[in-house]
Amino acid sequence: MDDVRAQILVVEDDPDLRQGIRGALEGLCYRCLEAANGREGMDLVASHRPDVILLDLGLPDMDGLELLSRLREWSRTPVLVLSARGRDIDKVASFDSGADDYLTKPFRIPELLARIRTLLRRAGPDRVELSVFVLDHWRIDLPLRKVWVDDREVRLSTFEFAVLGALIRRAGSVVTHRQLLDEVWGGARSEWLSHLRLCMTQLRRKLEQNPSRPRHLRTETGVGYRLWVGASS
């Protein structure tokens, strides 16, 4: 990826800090997008596909960790957290939510730029974002968290959508119970396995033409589940 043409999204509610970052980025020929809150940030990620996201945790409409978790349901864009929260527990929570790097405020612009360059190198030229997933009679808009079956919108719960998103990101592969529990519920406690099974039952009821003999949402006995994307078998 050519750094000078990279597009950086700054999600930060402090206009002075946004302006300072924008000036530094544009001075080096980066393209800069700005969002003052989480909703704007989410919309810009979906519409403009930035190469790196700079994310403040203290947003006015949602916590930055919530935004980060929602982004990671469908986006692999590198995220550098910029936060005044300097405790180890905050850094760990950010990395657990999907952050790629963490920089504590106040920071120096040269260090910020160096970290952006590192993230761009890691991402490489072939990063692919998945926004809308289409399979058979299904259409799933991951950024908008909406699902249609035969042009009929289907309402999913938060957990149902998270499970479906995890399967979509690994479409065709087996996803273990442990992987799903860790990703959706934040841990692999045995008592949560019943919640996972209930989610799968509900997803099949809402999405499959024959829930008792699902075509796409398949069980791998004793292991986990697979989103089947091949021909019927």
C-alpha atoms as a PDB file:
ATOM      1  CA  MET A   1       0.000   0.000   0.000  1.00  0.00           C
ATOM      2  CA  ASP A   2       1.279   3.502  -0.857  1.00  0.00           C
ATOM      3  CA  ASP A   3       1.227   5.421   2.418  1.00  0.00           C
ATOM      4  CA  VAL A   4       0.730   8.829   0.797  1.00  0.00           C
ATOM      5  CA  ARG A   5      -2.580   7.722  -0.673  1.00  0.00           C
ATOM      6  CA  ALA A   6      -3.827   5.981   2.465  1.00  0.00           C
ATOM      7  CA  GLN A   7      -7.078   7.176   3.993  1.00  0.00           C
ATOM      8  CA  ILE A   8      -7.193   7.682   7.767  1.00  0.00           C
ATOM      9  CA  LEU A   9     -10.430   8.001   9.751  1.00  0.00           C
ATOM     10  CA  VAL A  10     -10.204  10.015  12.985  1.00  0.00           C
ATOM     11  CA  VAL A  11     -13.078   9.257  15.403  1.00  0.00           C
ATOM     12  CA  GLU A  12     -12.617  11.909  18.083  1.00  0.00           C
ATOM     13  CA  ASP A  13     -15.049  14.333  19.743  1.00  0.00           C
ATOM     14  CA  ASP A  14     -12.421  16.991  20.556  1.00  0.00           C
ATOM     15  CA  PRO A  15     -12.426  19.340  17.522  1.00  0.00           C
ATOM     16  CA  ASP A  16      -9.053  20.863  18.380  1.00  0.00           C
ATOM     17  CA  LEU A  17      -7.375  17.479  18.550  1.00  0.00           C
ATOM     18  CA  ARG A  18      -9.093  16.382  15.316  1.00  0.00           C
ATOM     19  CA  GLN A  19      -7.849  19.519  13.596  1.00  0.00           C
ATOM     20  CA  GLY A  20      -4.304  18.961  14.829  1.00  0.00           C
ATOM     21  CA  ILE A  21      -4.260  15.349  13.673  1.00  0.00           C
ATOM     22  CA  ARG A  22      -5.812  16.279  10.344  1.00  0.00           C
ATOM     23  CA  GLY A  23      -3.155  18.928   9.723  1.00  0.00           C
ATOM     24  CA  ALA A  24      -0.357  16.460  10.446  1.00  0.00           C
ATOM     25  CA  LEU A  25      -1.879  13.783   8.221  1.00  0.00           C
ATOM     26  CA  GLU A  26      -2.629  16.056   5.282  1.00  0.00           C
ATOM     27  CA  GLY A  27       0.841  17.577   5.584  1.00  0.00           C
ATOM     28  CA  LEU A  28       2.160  14.130   4.683  1.00  0.00           C
ATOM     29  CA  CYS A  29      -0.417  13.667   1.890  1.00  0.00           C
ATOM     30  CA  TYR A  30      -2.652  11.243   3.781  1.00  0.00           C
ATOM     31  CA  ARG A  31      -6.362  11.591   3.113  1.00  0.00           C
ATOM     32  CA  CYS A  32      -8.262  12.304   6.304  1.00  0.00           C
ATOM     33  CA  LEU A  33     -11.859  11.621   7.335  1.00  0.00           C
ATOM     34  CA  GLU A  34     -13.334  12.945  10.575  1.00  0.00           C
ATOM     35  CA  ALA A  35     -16.133  11.753  12.853  1.00  0.00           C
ATOM     36  CA  ALA A  36     -17.209  13.446  16.079  1.00  0.00           C
ATOM     37  CA  ASN A  37     -19.103  10.445  17.467  1.00  0.00           C
ATOM     38  CA  GLY A  38     -19.464   6.706  17.151  1.00  0.00           C
ATOM     39  CA  ARG A  39     -22.442   6.699  14.789  1.00  0.00           C
ATOM     40  CA  GLU A  40     -20.646   8.946  12.315  1.00  0.00           C
ATOM     41  CA  GLY A  41     -17.557   6.788  12.633  1.00  0.00           C
ATOM     42  CA  MET A  42     -19.463   3.591  11.891  1.00  0.00           C
ATOM     43  CA  ASP A  43     -21.108   5.166   8.842  1.00  0.00           C
ATOM     44  CA  LEU A  44     -17.780   6.409   7.461  1.00  0.00           C
ATOM     45  CA  VAL A  45     -16.124   3.018   7.884  1.00  0.00           C
ATOM     46  CA  ALA A  46     -18.953   1.417   5.920  1.00  0.00           C
ATOM     47  CA  SER A  47     -19.074   4.053   3.172  1.00  0.00           C
ATOM     48  CA  HIS A  48     -15.407   4.989   2.716  1.00  0.00           C
ATOM     49  CA  ARG A  49     -13.414   1.902   3.801  1.00  0.00           C
ATOM     50  CA  PRO A  50     -10.512   3.764   5.485  1.00  0.00           C
ATOM     51  CA  ASP A  51      -7.095   2.120   5.704  1.00  0.00           C
ATOM     52  CA  VAL A  52      -6.583   2.934   9.400  1.00  0.00           C
ATOM     53  CA  ILE A  53      -8.963   4.121  12.130  1.00  0.00           C
ATOM     54  CA  LEU A  54      -7.836   6.379  14.981  1.00  0.00           C
ATOM     55  CA  LEU A  55     -10.395   5.839  17.749  1.00  0.00           C
ATOM     56  CA  ASP A  56     -11.014   7.807  20.929  1.00  0.00           C
ATOM     57  CA  LEU A  57     -12.661   5.778  23.699  1.00  0.00           C
ATOM     58  CA  GLY A  58     -14.589   8.672  25.284  1.00  0.00           C
ATOM     59  CA  LEU A  59     -17.177   9.355  22.584  1.00  0.00           C
ATOM     60  CA  PRO A  60     -20.383  11.296  23.343  1.00  0.00           C
ATOM     61  CA  ASP A  61     -22.868   8.732  22.035  1.00  0.00           C
ATOM     62  CA  MET A  62     -21.181   5.429  22.897  1.00  0.00           C
ATOM     63  CA  ASP A  63     -18.066   4.068  24.535  1.00  0.00           C
ATOM     64  CA  GLY A  64     -15.265   3.524  22.058  1.00  0.00           C
ATOM     65  CA  LEU A  65     -14.992  -0.109  23.114  1.00  0.00           C
ATOM     66  CA  GLU A  66     -18.609  -0.666  22.073  1.00  0.00           C
ATOM     67  CA  LEU A  67     -17.889   0.851  18.670  1.00  0.00           C
ATOM     68  CA  LEU A  68     -14.747  -1.254  18.340  1.00  0.00           C
ATOM     69  CA  SER A  69     -16.609  -4.473  19.171  1.00  0.00           C
ATOM     70  CA  ARG A  70     -19.324  -3.654  16.638  1.00  0.00           C
ATOM     71  CA  LEU A  71     -16.760  -2.877  13.952  1.00  0.00           C
ATOM     72  CA  ARG A  72     -15.016  -6.184  14.535  1.00  0.00           C
ATOM     73  CA  GLU A  73     -18.224  -8.010  13.635  1.00  0.00           C
ATOM     74  CA  TRP A  74     -17.539  -7.140   9.988  1.00  0.00           C
ATOM     75  CA  SER A  75     -14.379  -5.069   9.580  1.00  0.00           C
ATOM     76  CA  ARG A  76     -10.683  -5.935   9.832  1.00  0.00           C
ATOM     77  CA  THR A  77      -9.512  -2.334   9.359  1.00  0.00           C
ATOM     78  CA  PRO A  78      -6.536  -1.649  11.677  1.00  0.00           C
ATOM     79  CA  VAL A  79      -7.577   0.405  14.719  1.00  0.00           C
ATOM     80  CA  LEU A  80      -5.258   2.578  16.786  1.00  0.00           C
ATOM     81  CA  VAL A  81      -6.922   3.587  20.052  1.00  0.00           C
ATOM     82  CA  LEU A  82      -6.153   7.122  21.260  1.00  0.00           C
ATOM     83  CA  SER A  83      -7.222   7.545  24.859  1.00  0.00           C
ATOM     84  CA  ALA A  84      -6.535   9.420  28.074  1.00  0.00           C
ATOM     85  CA  ARG A  85      -7.208   6.137  29.876  1.00  0.00           C
ATOM     86  CA  GLY A  86      -3.711   4.971  30.658  1.00  0.00           C
ATOM     87  CA  ARG A  87      -4.387   2.032  32.974  1.00  0.00           C
ATOM     88  CA  ASP A  88      -3.326  -1.443  31.953  1.00  0.00           C
ATOM     89  CA  ILE A  89      -6.909  -2.673  32.378  1.00  0.00           C
ATOM     90  CA  ASP A  90      -8.101  -0.184  29.733  1.00  0.00           C
ATOM     91  CA  LYS A  91      -5.369  -1.227  27.323  1.00  0.00           C
ATOM     92  CA  VAL A  92      -6.167  -4.913  27.810  1.00  0.00           C
ATOM     93  CA  ALA A  93      -9.888  -4.260  27.294  1.00  0.00           C
ATOM     94  CA  SER A  94      -9.103  -2.424  24.044  1.00  0.00           C
ATOM     95  CA  PHE A  95      -6.928  -5.224  22.693  1.00  0.00           C
ATOM     96  CA  ASP A  96      -9.517  -7.810  23.733  1.00  0.00           C
ATOM     97  CA  SER A  97     -12.146  -5.821  21.818  1.00  0.00           C
ATOM     98  CA  GLY A  98     -10.038  -5.889  18.657  1.00  0.00           C
ATOM     99  CA  ALA A  99      -7.656  -2.907  18.779  1.00  0.00           C
ATOM    100  CA  ASP A 100      -4.366  -3.263  16.922  1.00  0.00           C
ATOM    101  CA  ASP A 101      -2.459  -0.604  18.877  1.00  0.00           C
ATOM    102  CA  TYR A 102      -2.958   1.802  21.792  1.00  0.00           C
ATOM    103  CA  LEU A 103      -1.550   5.289  22.324  1.00  0.00           C
ATOM    104  CA  THR A 104      -2.135   7.210  25.559  1.00  0.00           C
ATOM    105  CA  LYS A 105      -2.997  10.917  25.462  1.00  0.00           C
ATOM    106  CA  PRO A 106      -1.224  13.277  25.421  1.00  0.00           C
ATOM    107  CA  PHE A 107       0.990  11.934  22.658  1.00  0.00           C
ATOM    108  CA  ARG A 108       3.501  13.376  20.228  1.00  0.00           C
ATOM    109  CA  ILE A 109       2.516  13.608  16.566  1.00  0.00           C
ATOM    110  CA  PRO A 110       5.732  11.920  15.302  1.00  0.00           C
ATOM    111  CA  GLU A 111       4.941   8.838  17.398  1.00  0.00           C
ATOM    112  CA  LEU A 112       1.356   8.816  16.124  1.00  0.00           C
ATOM    113  CA  LEU A 113       2.559   8.947  12.522  1.00  0.00           C
ATOM    114  CA  ALA A 114       5.084   6.174  13.130  1.00  0.00           C
ATOM    115  CA  ARG A 115       2.363   3.912  14.513  1.00  0.00           C
ATOM    116  CA  ILE A 116       0.094   4.651  11.556  1.00  0.00           C
ATOM    117  CA  ARG A 117       2.906   3.683   9.177  1.00  0.00           C
ATOM    118  CA  THR A 118       3.368   0.421  11.084  1.00  0.00           C
ATOM    119  CA  LEU A 119      -0.330  -0.433  10.822  1.00  0.00           C
ATOM    120  CA  LEU A 120      -0.343   0.331   7.103  1.00  0.00           C
ATOM    121  CA  ARG A 121       2.619  -1.987   6.557  1.00  0.00           C
ATOM    122  CA  ARG A 122       0.928  -4.765   8.515  1.00  0.00           C
ATOM    123  CA  ALA A 123      -2.315  -4.407   6.581  1.00  0.00           C
ATOM    124  CA  GLY A 124      -0.546  -4.755   3.240  1.00  0.00           C
ATOM    125  CA  PRO A 125      -2.095  -4.210  -0.190  1.00  0.00           C
ATOM    126  CA  ASP A 126      -4.608  -7.031  -0.149  1.00  0.00           C
ATOM    127  CA  ARG A 127      -6.842  -6.195   2.807  1.00  0.00           C
ATOM    128  CA  VAL A 128     -10.430  -7.091   1.935  1.00  0.00           C
ATOM    129  CA  GLU A 129     -13.465  -5.814   3.836  1.00  0.00           C
ATOM    130  CA  LEU A 130     -16.720  -7.697   3.954  1.00  0.00           C
ATOM    131  CA  SER A 131     -19.744  -5.416   4.037  1.00  0.00           C
ATOM    132  CA  VAL A 132     -22.725  -7.196   2.458  1.00  0.00           C
ATOM    133  CA  PHE A 133     -22.840 -10.980   2.447  1.00  0.00           C
ATOM    134  CA  VAL A 134     -25.146 -12.707  -0.035  1.00  0.00           C
ATOM    135  CA  LEU A 135     -25.919 -16.422   0.056  1.00  0.00           C
ATOM    136  CA  ASP A 136     -28.806 -18.170  -1.666  1.00  0.00           C
ATOM    137  CA  HIS A 137     -31.948 -16.344  -0.452  1.00  0.00           C
ATOM    138  CA  TRP A 138     -30.080 -14.364   2.207  1.00  0.00           C
ATOM    139  CA  ARG A 139     -28.641 -10.864   2.184  1.00  0.00           C
ATOM    140  CA  ILE A 140     -26.845  -9.675   5.300  1.00  0.00           C
ATOM    141  CA  ASP A 141     -25.676  -6.072   5.639  1.00  0.00           C
ATOM    142  CA  LEU A 142     -23.029  -6.348   8.342  1.00  0.00           C
ATOM    143  CA  PRO A 143     -22.445  -2.638   9.043  1.00  0.00           C
ATOM    144  CA  LEU A 144     -26.185  -1.927   9.290  1.00  0.00           C
ATOM    145  CA  ARG A 145     -26.818  -5.199  11.179  1.00  0.00           C
ATOM    146  CA  LYS A 146     -29.756  -6.032   8.925  1.00  0.00           C
ATOM    147  CA  VAL A 147     -30.810  -9.343   7.409  1.00  0.00           C
ATOM    148  CA  TRP A 148     -33.180 -10.130   4.552  1.00  0.00           C
ATOM    149  CA  VAL A 149     -34.545 -13.465   3.355  1.00  0.00           C
ATOM    150  CA  ASP A 150     -36.191 -13.277  -0.060  1.00  0.00           C
ATOM    151  CA  ASP A 151     -36.403  -9.458   0.310  1.00  0.00           C
ATOM    152  CA  ARG A 152     -38.183  -9.836   3.652  1.00  0.00           C
ATOM    153  CA  GLU A 153     -36.350  -8.213   6.540  1.00  0.00           C
ATOM    154  CA  VAL A 154     -35.739 -10.584   9.450  1.00  0.00           C
ATOM    155  CA  ARG A 155     -35.139  -9.305  12.969  1.00  0.00           C
ATOM    156  CA  LEU A 156     -32.264 -10.909  14.861  1.00  0.00           C
ATOM    157  CA  SER A 157     -31.292 -10.443  18.482  1.00  0.00           C
ATOM    158  CA  THR A 158     -27.873  -9.031  19.348  1.00  0.00           C
ATOM    159  CA  PHE A 159     -26.510 -12.492  20.160  1.00  0.00           C
ATOM    160  CA  GLU A 160     -28.088 -14.101  17.094  1.00  0.00           C
ATOM    161  CA  PHE A 161     -26.482 -11.499  14.826  1.00  0.00           C
ATOM    162  CA  ALA A 162     -23.112 -11.894  16.561  1.00  0.00           C
ATOM    163  CA  VAL A 163     -23.175 -15.675  16.070  1.00  0.00           C
ATOM    164  CA  LEU A 164     -24.195 -15.272  12.429  1.00  0.00           C
ATOM    165  CA  GLY A 165     -21.431 -12.714  11.884  1.00  0.00           C
ATOM    166  CA  ALA A 166     -18.824 -15.042  13.384  1.00  0.00           C
ATOM    167  CA  LEU A 167     -19.906 -17.827  11.022  1.00  0.00           C
ATOM    168  CA  ILE A 168     -19.912 -15.486   8.012  1.00  0.00           C
ATOM    169  CA  ARG A 169     -16.345 -14.371   8.703  1.00  0.00           C
ATOM    170  CA  ARG A 170     -15.286 -18.042   8.568  1.00  0.00           C
ATOM    171  CA  ALA A 171     -17.755 -19.145   5.903  1.00  0.00           C
ATOM    172  CA  GLY A 172     -17.130 -22.709   4.797  1.00  0.00           C
ATOM    173  CA  SER A 173     -14.973 -23.564   7.823  1.00  0.00           C
ATOM    174  CA  VAL A 174     -15.891 -25.241  11.080  1.00  0.00           C
ATOM    175  CA  VAL A 175     -16.199 -22.781  13.957  1.00  0.00           C
ATOM    176  CA  THR A 176     -15.853 -24.504  17.314  1.00  0.00           C
ATOM    177  CA  HIS A 177     -18.139 -24.036  20.287  1.00  0.00           C
ATOM    178  CA  ARG A 178     -15.215 -22.494  22.178  1.00  0.00           C
ATOM    179  CA  GLN A 179     -14.479 -19.992  19.401  1.00  0.00           C
ATOM    180  CA  LEU A 180     -18.099 -18.863  19.280  1.00  0.00           C
ATOM    181  CA  LEU A 181     -18.448 -18.636  23.047  1.00  0.00           C
ATOM    182  CA  ASP A 182     -15.223 -16.657  23.360  1.00  0.00           C
ATOM    183  CA  GLU A 183     -16.137 -14.272  20.558  1.00  0.00           C
ATOM    184  CA  VAL A 184     -19.815 -13.707  21.333  1.00  0.00           C
ATOM    185  CA  TRP A 185     -20.069 -14.143  25.103  1.00  0.00           C
ATOM    186  CA  GLY A 186     -16.502 -13.350  26.075  1.00  0.00           C
ATOM    187  CA  GLY A 187     -15.684 -16.743  27.509  1.00  0.00           C
ATOM    188  CA  ALA A 188     -16.170 -20.469  27.111  1.00  0.00           C
ATOM    189  CA  ARG A 189     -18.101 -21.242  30.275  1.00  0.00           C
ATOM    190  CA  SER A 190     -20.040 -24.465  29.896  1.00  0.00           C
ATOM    191  CA  GLU A 191     -23.334 -22.959  31.073  1.00  0.00           C
ATOM    192  CA  TRP A 192     -23.309 -20.600  28.077  1.00  0.00           C
ATOM    193  CA  LEU A 193     -23.350 -23.480  25.616  1.00  0.00           C
ATOM    194  CA  SER A 194     -27.133 -23.670  26.005  1.00  0.00           C
ATOM    195  CA  HIS A 195     -27.385 -20.007  24.935  1.00  0.00           C
ATOM    196  CA  LEU A 196     -25.351 -20.790  21.828  1.00  0.00           C
ATOM    197  CA  ARG A 197     -27.586 -23.730  20.967  1.00  0.00           C
ATOM    198  CA  LEU A 198     -30.679 -21.579  21.440  1.00  0.00           C
ATOM    199  CA  CYS A 199     -29.206 -18.929  19.126  1.00  0.00           C
ATOM    200  CA  MET A 200     -28.589 -21.544  16.443  1.00  0.00           C
ATOM    201  CA  THR A 201     -32.120 -22.878  16.799  1.00  0.00           C
ATOM    202  CA  GLN A 202     -33.533 -19.385  16.409  1.00  0.00           C
ATOM    203  CA  LEU A 203     -31.264 -18.560  13.459  1.00  0.00           C
ATOM    204  CA  ARG A 204     -32.383 -21.694  11.647  1.00  0.00           C
ATOM    205  CA  ARG A 205     -36.015 -20.915  12.357  1.00  0.00           C
ATOM    206  CA  LYS A 206     -35.635 -17.383  11.006  1.00  0.00           C
ATOM    207  CA  LEU A 207     -33.319 -18.014   8.051  1.00  0.00           C
ATOM    208  CA  GLU A 208     -33.567 -21.598   6.819  1.00  0.00           C
ATOM    209  CA  GLN A 209     -36.358 -22.754   4.520  1.00  0.00           C
ATOM    210  CA  ASN A 210     -36.467 -26.063   6.404  1.00  0.00           C
ATOM    211  CA  PRO A 211     -35.155 -25.448   9.954  1.00  0.00           C
ATOM    212  CA  SER A 212     -35.244 -29.152  10.837  1.00  0.00           C
ATOM    213  CA  ARG A 213     -32.933 -29.913   7.886  1.00  0.00           C
ATOM    214  CA  PRO A 214     -30.825 -26.763   7.554  1.00  0.00           C
ATOM    215  CA  ARG A 215     -28.993 -26.234   4.294  1.00  0.00           C
ATOM    216  CA  HIS A 216     -26.488 -23.598   5.431  1.00  0.00           C
ATOM    217  CA  LEU A 217     -26.364 -23.490   9.253  1.00  0.00           C
ATOM    218  CA  ARG A 218     -24.917 -26.933   9.861  1.00  0.00           C
ATOM    219  CA  THR A 219     -23.945 -28.709  13.043  1.00  0.00           C
ATOM    220  CA  GLU A 220     -20.544 -30.371  13.272  1.00  0.00           C
ATOM    221  CA  THR A 221     -21.393 -32.896  15.976  1.00  0.00           C
ATOM    222  CA  GLY A 222     -19.358 -32.469  19.129  1.00  0.00           C
ATOM    223  CA  VAL A 223     -17.253 -29.704  17.598  1.00  0.00           C
ATOM    224  CA  GLY A 224     -19.272 -26.659  16.579  1.00  0.00           C
ATOM    225  CA  TYR A 225     -21.020 -25.224  13.538  1.00  0.00           C
ATOM    226  CA  ARG A 226     -20.311 -24.424   9.914  1.00  0.00           C
ATOM    227  CA  LEU A 227     -21.867 -21.943   7.497  1.00  0.00           C
ATOM    228  CA  TRP A 228     -22.131 -24.100   4.382  1.00  0.00           C
ATOM    229  CA  VAL A 229     -21.689 -22.079   1.178  1.00  0.00           C
ATOM    230  CA  GLY A 230     -21.344 -24.912  -1.350  1.00  0.00           C
ATOM    231  CA  ALA A 231     -23.920 -26.901  -3.248  1.00  0.00           C
ATOM    232  CA  SER A 232     -26.460 -28.943  -1.332  1.00  0.00           C
ATOM    233  CA  SER A 233     -25.236 -32.267  -0.018  1.00  0.00           C
END
